[in-house]
Amino acid sequence: MNDMQEKRVPGNLLIESREEFINPFDERNQWIFRLTNLGSHTVAWLAVTNNWELLDVYPPCGLLRPSESVDVYVCSEVAEGATACRSHDHMSFQWTEVEDGLTEFDRSVFDGDVIIRRQRVIIKYSF
């Protein structure tokens, strides 16, 4: 975003889960989230989690043009004895508006004086 361009609040990003995100973890589990850009401009998005060792997200980031969608896969690895430390796991999706001509995701678009929106995904465990 150049200095002459006005900062705008990014449009809505619809985040739909295809399955309930509740566990016990007895095997590798996978959830699918569909992200849809409901805004009128391109957004850059990224997934953020506090536990990248046990929660794997693919793709972890990308660009979405207006009305475009992407399926994001979140996989959970099983680790014996890790239940106590996993009770505080969390993740969120973050997005910001970018120039419509941008063709490749660039992490630096989240740096500086930009407006970033976030939506937290609740992870419930049943140990």
N, C-alpha and C. Protein backbone atom coordinates (compact mmCIF):
# COMPACT_ATOMS: atom_id res chain seq x y z
N MET A 1 0.86 -1.17 0.00
CA MET A 1 0.00 0.00 0.00
C MET A 1 0.90 1.23 0.00
N ASN A 2 0.75 2.11 -0.98
CA ASN A 2 1.60 3.29 -1.03
C ASN A 2 1.09 4.36 -0.09
N ASP A 3 1.92 5.39 0.13
CA ASP A 3 1.59 6.44 1.10
C ASP A 3 0.35 7.24 0.70
N MET A 4 0.08 7.33 -0.60
CA MET A 4 -1.05 8.12 -1.07
C MET A 4 -2.37 7.35 -0.94
N GLN A 5 -2.30 6.04 -0.78
CA GLN A 5 -3.51 5.24 -0.73
C GLN A 5 -4.12 5.30 0.67
N GLU A 6 -5.40 5.48 0.72
CA GLU A 6 -6.12 5.57 1.99
C GLU A 6 -6.23 4.19 2.64
N LYS A 7 -6.03 4.15 3.97
CA LYS A 7 -6.20 2.89 4.68
C LYS A 7 -7.69 2.61 4.80
N ARG A 8 -8.07 1.38 4.48
CA ARG A 8 -9.46 0.97 4.61
C ARG A 8 -9.52 -0.26 5.51
N VAL A 9 -10.61 -0.38 6.21
CA VAL A 9 -10.82 -1.59 7.01
C VAL A 9 -11.07 -2.74 6.04
N PRO A 10 -10.32 -3.83 6.16
CA PRO A 10 -10.54 -4.97 5.26
C PRO A 10 -11.97 -5.49 5.38
N GLY A 11 -12.48 -5.98 4.26
CA GLY A 11 -13.83 -6.55 4.26
C GLY A 11 -13.88 -7.82 5.09
N ASN A 12 -15.06 -8.39 5.18
CA ASN A 12 -15.24 -9.60 5.98
C ASN A 12 -14.63 -10.81 5.29
N LEU A 13 -14.10 -11.69 6.10
CA LEU A 13 -13.60 -12.98 5.65
C LEU A 13 -14.49 -14.02 6.32
N LEU A 14 -15.27 -14.73 5.52
CA LEU A 14 -16.14 -15.77 6.06
C LEU A 14 -15.30 -17.00 6.33
N ILE A 15 -15.32 -17.49 7.56
CA ILE A 15 -14.54 -18.66 7.96
C ILE A 15 -15.53 -19.73 8.39
N GLU A 16 -15.63 -20.78 7.56
CA GLU A 16 -16.56 -21.86 7.84
C GLU A 16 -15.79 -23.13 8.14
N SER A 17 -16.22 -23.84 9.17
CA SER A 17 -15.62 -25.12 9.49
C SER A 17 -16.53 -26.21 8.96
N ARG A 18 -15.93 -27.19 8.31
CA ARG A 18 -16.72 -28.28 7.77
C ARG A 18 -17.04 -29.34 8.83
N GLU A 19 -16.28 -29.33 9.89
CA GLU A 19 -16.49 -30.29 10.97
C GLU A 19 -16.29 -29.57 12.30
N GLU A 20 -16.84 -30.14 13.35
CA GLU A 20 -16.65 -29.57 14.67
C GLU A 20 -15.20 -29.74 15.09
N PHE A 21 -14.66 -28.75 15.73
CA PHE A 21 -13.25 -28.74 16.12
C PHE A 21 -13.12 -29.14 17.59
N ILE A 22 -13.53 -30.38 17.90
CA ILE A 22 -13.47 -30.90 19.26
C ILE A 22 -12.77 -32.25 19.22
N ASN A 23 -11.96 -32.52 20.23
CA ASN A 23 -11.18 -33.75 20.25
C ASN A 23 -11.30 -34.47 21.55
N PRO A 24 -11.01 -35.77 21.62
CA PRO A 24 -9.72 -36.25 22.09
C PRO A 24 -8.87 -36.62 20.88
N PHE A 25 -7.57 -36.52 21.07
CA PHE A 25 -6.64 -36.85 20.01
C PHE A 25 -6.16 -38.28 20.18
N ASP A 26 -6.75 -39.21 19.44
CA ASP A 26 -6.28 -40.58 19.50
C ASP A 26 -5.61 -40.99 18.20
N GLU A 27 -5.64 -40.13 17.23
CA GLU A 27 -4.96 -40.35 15.96
C GLU A 27 -4.79 -38.98 15.30
N ARG A 28 -4.13 -38.98 14.14
CA ARG A 28 -3.98 -37.71 13.42
C ARG A 28 -5.36 -37.27 12.94
N ASN A 29 -5.77 -36.09 13.34
CA ASN A 29 -7.07 -35.56 12.97
C ASN A 29 -6.90 -34.38 12.01
N GLN A 30 -7.89 -34.20 11.16
CA GLN A 30 -7.83 -33.11 10.19
C GLN A 30 -9.18 -32.42 10.13
N TRP A 31 -9.14 -31.09 10.06
CA TRP A 31 -10.34 -30.28 9.89
C TRP A 31 -10.15 -29.41 8.66
N ILE A 32 -11.24 -29.12 8.01
CA ILE A 32 -11.18 -28.27 6.83
C ILE A 32 -11.96 -26.99 7.13
N PHE A 33 -11.29 -25.87 6.89
CA PHE A 33 -11.93 -24.56 7.01
C PHE A 33 -11.99 -23.96 5.62
N ARG A 34 -13.12 -23.38 5.27
CA ARG A 34 -13.24 -22.66 4.01
C ARG A 34 -13.23 -21.17 4.32
N LEU A 35 -12.27 -20.45 3.71
CA LEU A 35 -12.18 -19.00 3.86
C LEU A 35 -12.73 -18.38 2.58
N THR A 36 -13.62 -17.41 2.72
CA THR A 36 -14.20 -16.73 1.56
C THR A 36 -14.09 -15.23 1.78
N ASN A 37 -13.54 -14.53 0.80
CA ASN A 37 -13.42 -13.08 0.86
C ASN A 37 -14.76 -12.46 0.47
N LEU A 38 -15.45 -11.88 1.45
CA LEU A 38 -16.73 -11.23 1.20
C LEU A 38 -16.59 -9.76 0.86
N GLY A 39 -15.35 -9.26 0.90
CA GLY A 39 -15.10 -7.85 0.63
C GLY A 39 -14.99 -7.55 -0.86
N SER A 40 -14.74 -6.29 -1.18
CA SER A 40 -14.65 -5.86 -2.58
C SER A 40 -13.21 -5.66 -3.03
N HIS A 41 -12.22 -5.99 -2.17
CA HIS A 41 -10.81 -5.86 -2.52
C HIS A 41 -10.06 -7.13 -2.13
N THR A 42 -8.90 -7.33 -2.72
CA THR A 42 -8.06 -8.49 -2.41
C THR A 42 -7.55 -8.39 -0.98
N VAL A 43 -7.52 -9.53 -0.29
CA VAL A 43 -6.95 -9.59 1.05
C VAL A 43 -5.83 -10.62 1.09
N ALA A 44 -4.83 -10.34 1.92
CA ALA A 44 -3.80 -11.32 2.27
C ALA A 44 -4.22 -11.90 3.61
N TRP A 45 -4.12 -13.21 3.76
CA TRP A 45 -4.53 -13.85 5.01
C TRP A 45 -3.42 -14.78 5.48
N LEU A 46 -3.43 -15.05 6.78
CA LEU A 46 -2.50 -16.04 7.33
C LEU A 46 -3.10 -16.67 8.56
N ALA A 47 -2.69 -17.91 8.81
CA ALA A 47 -3.11 -18.64 10.00
C ALA A 47 -2.03 -18.48 11.06
N VAL A 48 -2.46 -18.31 12.30
CA VAL A 48 -1.52 -18.14 13.42
C VAL A 48 -1.93 -19.13 14.50
N THR A 49 -0.96 -19.87 15.02
CA THR A 49 -1.22 -20.78 16.13
C THR A 49 -0.07 -20.70 17.12
N ASN A 50 -0.35 -21.02 18.36
CA ASN A 50 0.71 -21.00 19.36
C ASN A 50 1.45 -22.34 19.42
N ASN A 51 1.03 -23.32 18.63
CA ASN A 51 1.63 -24.65 18.71
C ASN A 51 1.82 -25.24 17.31
N TRP A 52 2.81 -24.72 16.57
CA TRP A 52 3.07 -25.19 15.21
C TRP A 52 3.61 -26.61 15.20
N GLU A 53 4.12 -27.11 16.33
CA GLU A 53 4.64 -28.48 16.37
C GLU A 53 3.51 -29.51 16.30
N LEU A 54 2.37 -29.22 16.89
CA LEU A 54 1.27 -30.18 16.93
C LEU A 54 0.07 -29.79 16.09
N LEU A 55 -0.03 -28.54 15.70
CA LEU A 55 -1.10 -28.10 14.81
C LEU A 55 -0.47 -27.63 13.51
N ASP A 56 -0.75 -28.35 12.45
CA ASP A 56 -0.18 -28.05 11.14
C ASP A 56 -1.28 -27.46 10.26
N VAL A 57 -0.99 -26.35 9.59
CA VAL A 57 -1.99 -25.67 8.76
C VAL A 57 -1.47 -25.60 7.33
N TYR A 58 -2.33 -26.03 6.35
CA TYR A 58 -1.93 -25.96 4.95
C TYR A 58 -3.12 -25.53 4.10
N PRO A 59 -2.96 -24.53 3.27
CA PRO A 59 -1.82 -23.61 3.22
C PRO A 59 -1.87 -22.68 4.44
N PRO A 60 -0.71 -22.21 4.89
CA PRO A 60 -0.69 -21.35 6.07
C PRO A 60 -1.01 -19.88 5.77
N CYS A 61 -1.04 -19.51 4.48
CA CYS A 61 -1.26 -18.11 4.11
C CYS A 61 -1.62 -18.04 2.64
N GLY A 62 -2.06 -16.86 2.21
CA GLY A 62 -2.37 -16.70 0.80
C GLY A 62 -3.07 -15.39 0.51
N LEU A 63 -3.51 -15.26 -0.73
CA LEU A 63 -4.27 -14.10 -1.19
C LEU A 63 -5.66 -14.57 -1.60
N LEU A 64 -6.65 -13.74 -1.34
CA LEU A 64 -8.01 -14.03 -1.79
C LEU A 64 -8.58 -12.80 -2.49
N ARG A 65 -8.95 -12.97 -3.74
CA ARG A 65 -9.62 -11.92 -4.50
C ARG A 65 -11.08 -11.85 -4.02
N PRO A 66 -11.80 -10.79 -4.35
CA PRO A 66 -13.21 -10.70 -3.95
C PRO A 66 -14.01 -11.93 -4.40
N SER A 67 -14.81 -12.47 -3.51
CA SER A 67 -15.66 -13.66 -3.73
C SER A 67 -14.89 -14.96 -3.89
N GLU A 68 -13.58 -14.93 -3.80
CA GLU A 68 -12.78 -16.15 -3.94
C GLU A 68 -12.72 -16.90 -2.60
N SER A 69 -12.61 -18.24 -2.68
CA SER A 69 -12.53 -19.09 -1.49
C SER A 69 -11.32 -19.99 -1.57
N VAL A 70 -10.90 -20.48 -0.40
CA VAL A 70 -9.82 -21.46 -0.32
C VAL A 70 -10.13 -22.40 0.83
N ASP A 71 -9.82 -23.68 0.66
CA ASP A 71 -9.93 -24.65 1.75
C ASP A 71 -8.61 -24.71 2.48
N VAL A 72 -8.67 -24.60 3.80
CA VAL A 72 -7.48 -24.63 4.65
C VAL A 72 -7.59 -25.87 5.53
N TYR A 73 -6.55 -26.70 5.52
CA TYR A 73 -6.54 -27.94 6.28
C TYR A 73 -5.73 -27.75 7.56
N VAL A 74 -6.33 -28.08 8.68
CA VAL A 74 -5.66 -28.03 9.98
C VAL A 74 -5.54 -29.47 10.46
N CYS A 75 -4.31 -29.91 10.67
CA CYS A 75 -4.05 -31.28 11.12
C CYS A 75 -3.48 -31.25 12.53
N SER A 76 -3.87 -32.24 13.31
CA SER A 76 -3.38 -32.36 14.67
C SER A 76 -2.55 -33.62 14.79
N GLU A 77 -1.37 -33.49 15.34
CA GLU A 77 -0.51 -34.64 15.61
C GLU A 77 -0.76 -35.11 17.03
N VAL A 78 -0.69 -36.41 17.23
CA VAL A 78 -0.84 -36.98 18.56
C VAL A 78 0.52 -37.03 19.22
N ALA A 79 0.58 -36.60 20.46
CA ALA A 79 1.84 -36.67 21.22
C ALA A 79 1.50 -37.16 22.62
N GLU A 80 2.02 -38.30 22.99
CA GLU A 80 1.74 -38.85 24.32
C GLU A 80 2.24 -37.91 25.41
N GLY A 81 1.43 -37.76 26.44
CA GLY A 81 1.83 -36.92 27.57
C GLY A 81 1.75 -35.44 27.30
N ALA A 82 1.20 -35.06 26.16
CA ALA A 82 1.16 -33.64 25.80
C ALA A 82 -0.17 -32.99 26.14
N THR A 83 -1.06 -33.70 26.81
CA THR A 83 -2.40 -33.15 27.03
C THR A 83 -2.39 -31.91 27.90
N ALA A 84 -1.55 -31.87 28.91
CA ALA A 84 -1.54 -30.69 29.79
C ALA A 84 -1.13 -29.44 29.05
N CYS A 85 -0.08 -29.54 28.24
CA CYS A 85 0.39 -28.34 27.53
C CYS A 85 -0.54 -27.95 26.39
N ARG A 86 -1.38 -28.86 25.91
CA ARG A 86 -2.26 -28.56 24.79
C ARG A 86 -3.54 -27.87 25.21
N SER A 87 -3.80 -27.81 26.50
CA SER A 87 -5.05 -27.20 26.93
C SER A 87 -5.10 -25.71 26.63
N HIS A 88 -3.98 -25.11 26.29
CA HIS A 88 -3.94 -23.68 25.96
C HIS A 88 -3.70 -23.43 24.47
N ASP A 89 -3.82 -24.47 23.65
CA ASP A 89 -3.65 -24.29 22.20
C ASP A 89 -4.71 -23.35 21.66
N HIS A 90 -4.31 -22.51 20.73
CA HIS A 90 -5.27 -21.65 20.05
C HIS A 90 -4.74 -21.31 18.67
N MET A 91 -5.65 -20.90 17.81
CA MET A 91 -5.25 -20.43 16.49
C MET A 91 -6.22 -19.34 16.06
N SER A 92 -5.78 -18.57 15.08
CA SER A 92 -6.64 -17.53 14.53
C SER A 92 -6.28 -17.33 13.07
N PHE A 93 -7.20 -16.73 12.35
CA PHE A 93 -6.94 -16.30 10.98
C PHE A 93 -6.86 -14.78 11.02
N GLN A 94 -5.86 -14.22 10.34
CA GLN A 94 -5.68 -12.77 10.26
C GLN A 94 -5.70 -12.37 8.79
N TRP A 95 -6.22 -11.19 8.50
CA TRP A 95 -6.21 -10.72 7.12
C TRP A 95 -6.14 -9.21 7.07
N THR A 96 -5.61 -8.74 5.95
CA THR A 96 -5.50 -7.31 5.70
C THR A 96 -5.71 -7.06 4.21
N GLU A 97 -6.20 -5.89 3.90
CA GLU A 97 -6.42 -5.54 2.50
C GLU A 97 -5.10 -5.24 1.82
N VAL A 98 -4.97 -5.68 0.56
CA VAL A 98 -3.76 -5.42 -0.23
C VAL A 98 -4.18 -4.87 -1.59
N GLU A 99 -3.21 -4.40 -2.34
CA GLU A 99 -3.50 -3.89 -3.68
C GLU A 99 -4.03 -5.02 -4.54
N ASP A 100 -5.05 -4.74 -5.33
CA ASP A 100 -5.68 -5.78 -6.14
C ASP A 100 -4.73 -6.40 -7.15
N GLY A 101 -3.67 -5.71 -7.53
CA GLY A 101 -2.73 -6.24 -8.51
C GLY A 101 -1.69 -7.19 -7.94
N LEU A 102 -1.64 -7.34 -6.62
CA LEU A 102 -0.65 -8.22 -5.99
C LEU A 102 -0.91 -9.66 -6.44
N THR A 103 0.15 -10.36 -6.88
CA THR A 103 -0.02 -11.71 -7.41
C THR A 103 0.56 -12.80 -6.52
N GLU A 104 1.36 -12.42 -5.53
CA GLU A 104 2.00 -13.41 -4.67
C GLU A 104 1.94 -12.94 -3.22
N PHE A 105 1.68 -13.87 -2.29
CA PHE A 105 1.62 -13.52 -0.87
C PHE A 105 2.97 -13.00 -0.42
N ASP A 106 2.94 -11.92 0.36
CA ASP A 106 4.16 -11.33 0.93
C ASP A 106 3.87 -11.01 2.38
N ARG A 107 4.57 -11.67 3.29
CA ARG A 107 4.35 -11.51 4.73
C ARG A 107 4.50 -10.06 5.18
N SER A 108 5.31 -9.29 4.47
CA SER A 108 5.57 -7.91 4.88
C SER A 108 4.33 -7.02 4.79
N VAL A 109 3.27 -7.46 4.09
CA VAL A 109 2.06 -6.63 4.02
C VAL A 109 1.40 -6.49 5.39
N PHE A 110 1.76 -7.35 6.34
CA PHE A 110 1.21 -7.27 7.69
C PHE A 110 2.02 -6.35 8.59
N ASP A 111 3.17 -5.88 8.10
CA ASP A 111 4.03 -5.00 8.88
C ASP A 111 3.65 -3.54 8.62
N GLY A 112 3.99 -2.71 9.55
CA GLY A 112 3.77 -1.28 9.34
C GLY A 112 2.38 -0.84 9.75
N ASP A 113 1.96 0.25 9.17
CA ASP A 113 0.72 0.92 9.54
C ASP A 113 -0.44 0.40 8.68
N VAL A 114 -0.90 -0.81 8.98
CA VAL A 114 -2.01 -1.40 8.24
C VAL A 114 -3.08 -1.85 9.24
N ILE A 115 -4.27 -2.02 8.74
CA ILE A 115 -5.36 -2.51 9.58
C ILE A 115 -5.44 -4.02 9.39
N ILE A 116 -5.33 -4.75 10.50
CA ILE A 116 -5.38 -6.21 10.47
C ILE A 116 -6.63 -6.66 11.22
N ARG A 117 -7.40 -7.52 10.58
CA ARG A 117 -8.56 -8.12 11.25
C ARG A 117 -8.20 -9.54 11.65
N ARG A 118 -8.82 -10.01 12.72
CA ARG A 118 -8.54 -11.35 13.24
C ARG A 118 -9.83 -12.05 13.62
N GLN A 119 -9.82 -13.36 13.43
CA GLN A 119 -10.91 -14.18 13.95
C GLN A 119 -10.30 -15.41 14.60
N ARG A 120 -10.61 -15.59 15.85
CA ARG A 120 -10.07 -16.71 16.61
C ARG A 120 -10.88 -17.98 16.36
N VAL A 121 -10.19 -19.10 16.29
CA VAL A 121 -10.84 -20.40 16.16
C VAL A 121 -10.73 -21.09 17.51
N ILE A 122 -11.85 -21.50 18.05
CA ILE A 122 -11.85 -22.15 19.36
C ILE A 122 -11.50 -23.62 19.22
N ILE A 123 -10.56 -24.07 20.02
CA ILE A 123 -10.16 -25.47 20.05
C ILE A 123 -10.60 -26.03 21.40
N LYS A 124 -11.46 -27.04 21.37
CA LYS A 124 -11.93 -27.66 22.61
C LYS A 124 -11.33 -29.06 22.69
N TYR A 125 -10.80 -29.38 23.84
CA TYR A 125 -10.23 -30.71 24.07
C TYR A 125 -11.07 -31.46 25.08
N SER A 126 -11.20 -32.78 24.90
CA SER A 126 -11.79 -33.63 25.93
C SER A 126 -10.76 -34.68 26.29
N PHE A 127 -10.06 -34.41 27.37
CA PHE A 127 -9.00 -35.33 27.80
C PHE A 127 -9.57 -36.40 28.69
